[in-house]
Amino acid sequence: MAIAAVAFSTWALLTLPLQGAVILVVASVLGWSGWLTFSDVRPVRSRKVIATYP
């Protein structure tokens, strides 16, 4: 997720006007930090295992 945020931010800063790029970069950082915060708070623990082979 961090790699995607960095790649998107790089693209935005190189191709878009500065004001729009800054807004998108800040939104990307906030989205990544929110994802990191909430995915660590409530990890998914499945009791069922799905077999990937027959």
C-alpha atoms as a PDB file:
ATOM      1  CA  MET A   1       0.000   0.000   0.000  1.00  0.00           C
ATOM      2  CA  ALA A   2       2.849   2.372   0.793  1.00  0.00           C
ATOM      3  CA  ILE A   3       4.431   1.644  -2.591  1.00  0.00           C
ATOM      4  CA  ALA A   4       1.161   2.474  -4.347  1.00  0.00           C
ATOM      5  CA  ALA A   5       0.857   5.727  -2.367  1.00  0.00           C
ATOM      6  CA  VAL A   6       4.430   6.734  -3.233  1.00  0.00           C
ATOM      7  CA  ALA A   7       3.971   5.860  -6.907  1.00  0.00           C
ATOM      8  CA  PHE A   8       0.716   7.812  -7.110  1.00  0.00           C
ATOM      9  CA  SER A   9       2.221  10.786  -5.279  1.00  0.00           C
ATOM     10  CA  THR A  10       5.217  10.809  -7.616  1.00  0.00           C
ATOM     11  CA  TRP A  11       2.965  10.728 -10.649  1.00  0.00           C
ATOM     12  CA  ALA A  12       0.772  13.503  -9.260  1.00  0.00           C
ATOM     13  CA  LEU A  13       3.706  15.763  -8.426  1.00  0.00           C
ATOM     14  CA  LEU A  14       5.301  15.274 -11.841  1.00  0.00           C
ATOM     15  CA  THR A  15       2.225  15.700 -14.029  1.00  0.00           C
ATOM     16  CA  LEU A  16      -0.397  17.810 -12.249  1.00  0.00           C
ATOM     17  CA  PRO A  17      -0.374  21.464 -11.170  1.00  0.00           C
ATOM     18  CA  LEU A  18       1.163  21.904  -7.734  1.00  0.00           C
ATOM     19  CA  GLN A  19      -2.030  22.778  -5.843  1.00  0.00           C
ATOM     20  CA  GLY A  20      -3.936  19.732  -7.116  1.00  0.00           C
ATOM     21  CA  ALA A  21      -0.932  17.471  -6.599  1.00  0.00           C
ATOM     22  CA  VAL A  22      -0.509  18.566  -2.988  1.00  0.00           C
ATOM     23  CA  ILE A  23      -4.166  17.833  -2.254  1.00  0.00           C
ATOM     24  CA  LEU A  24      -3.856  14.348  -3.771  1.00  0.00           C
ATOM     25  CA  VAL A  25      -0.576  13.628  -1.977  1.00  0.00           C
ATOM     26  CA  VAL A  26      -2.059  14.621   1.394  1.00  0.00           C
ATOM     27  CA  ALA A  27      -5.132  12.490   0.698  1.00  0.00           C
ATOM     28  CA  SER A  28      -2.899   9.569  -0.228  1.00  0.00           C
ATOM     29  CA  VAL A  29      -0.879   9.876   2.984  1.00  0.00           C
ATOM     30  CA  LEU A  30      -4.026  10.152   5.100  1.00  0.00           C
ATOM     31  CA  GLY A  31      -5.571   7.157   3.359  1.00  0.00           C
ATOM     32  CA  TRP A  32      -2.466   5.053   3.869  1.00  0.00           C
ATOM     33  CA  SER A  33      -2.157   5.996   7.543  1.00  0.00           C
ATOM     34  CA  GLY A  34      -5.863   5.302   8.128  1.00  0.00           C
ATOM     35  CA  TRP A  35      -5.588   1.924   6.421  1.00  0.00           C
ATOM     36  CA  LEU A  36      -2.541   1.067   8.520  1.00  0.00           C
ATOM     37  CA  THR A  37      -4.218   2.192  11.741  1.00  0.00           C
ATOM     38  CA  PHE A  38      -7.497   0.354  11.284  1.00  0.00           C
ATOM     39  CA  SER A  39      -6.098  -2.816   9.726  1.00  0.00           C
ATOM     40  CA  ASP A  40      -3.826  -3.320  12.739  1.00  0.00           C
ATOM     41  CA  VAL A  41      -6.585  -2.643  15.268  1.00  0.00           C
ATOM     42  CA  ARG A  42      -8.958  -5.335  13.993  1.00  0.00           C
ATOM     43  CA  PRO A  43      -7.048  -8.026  12.087  1.00  0.00           C
ATOM     44  CA  VAL A  44      -9.157 -10.598  10.288  1.00  0.00           C
ATOM     45  CA  ARG A  45      -8.951 -14.033  11.853  1.00  0.00           C
ATOM     46  CA  SER A  46     -10.747 -16.667   9.896  1.00  0.00           C
ATOM     47  CA  ARG A  47     -11.458 -20.019  11.523  1.00  0.00           C
ATOM     48  CA  LYS A  48     -12.205 -21.599   8.184  1.00  0.00           C
ATOM     49  CA  VAL A  49      -9.465 -22.518   5.764  1.00  0.00           C
ATOM     50  CA  ILE A  50     -10.292 -22.690   2.078  1.00  0.00           C
ATOM     51  CA  ALA A  51      -8.314 -25.386   0.282  1.00  0.00           C
ATOM     52  CA  THR A  52      -6.763 -24.152  -2.932  1.00  0.00           C
ATOM     53  CA  TYR A  53      -6.210 -27.659  -4.263  1.00  0.00           C
ATOM     54  CA  PRO A  54      -8.736 -30.453  -4.982  1.00  0.00           C
END
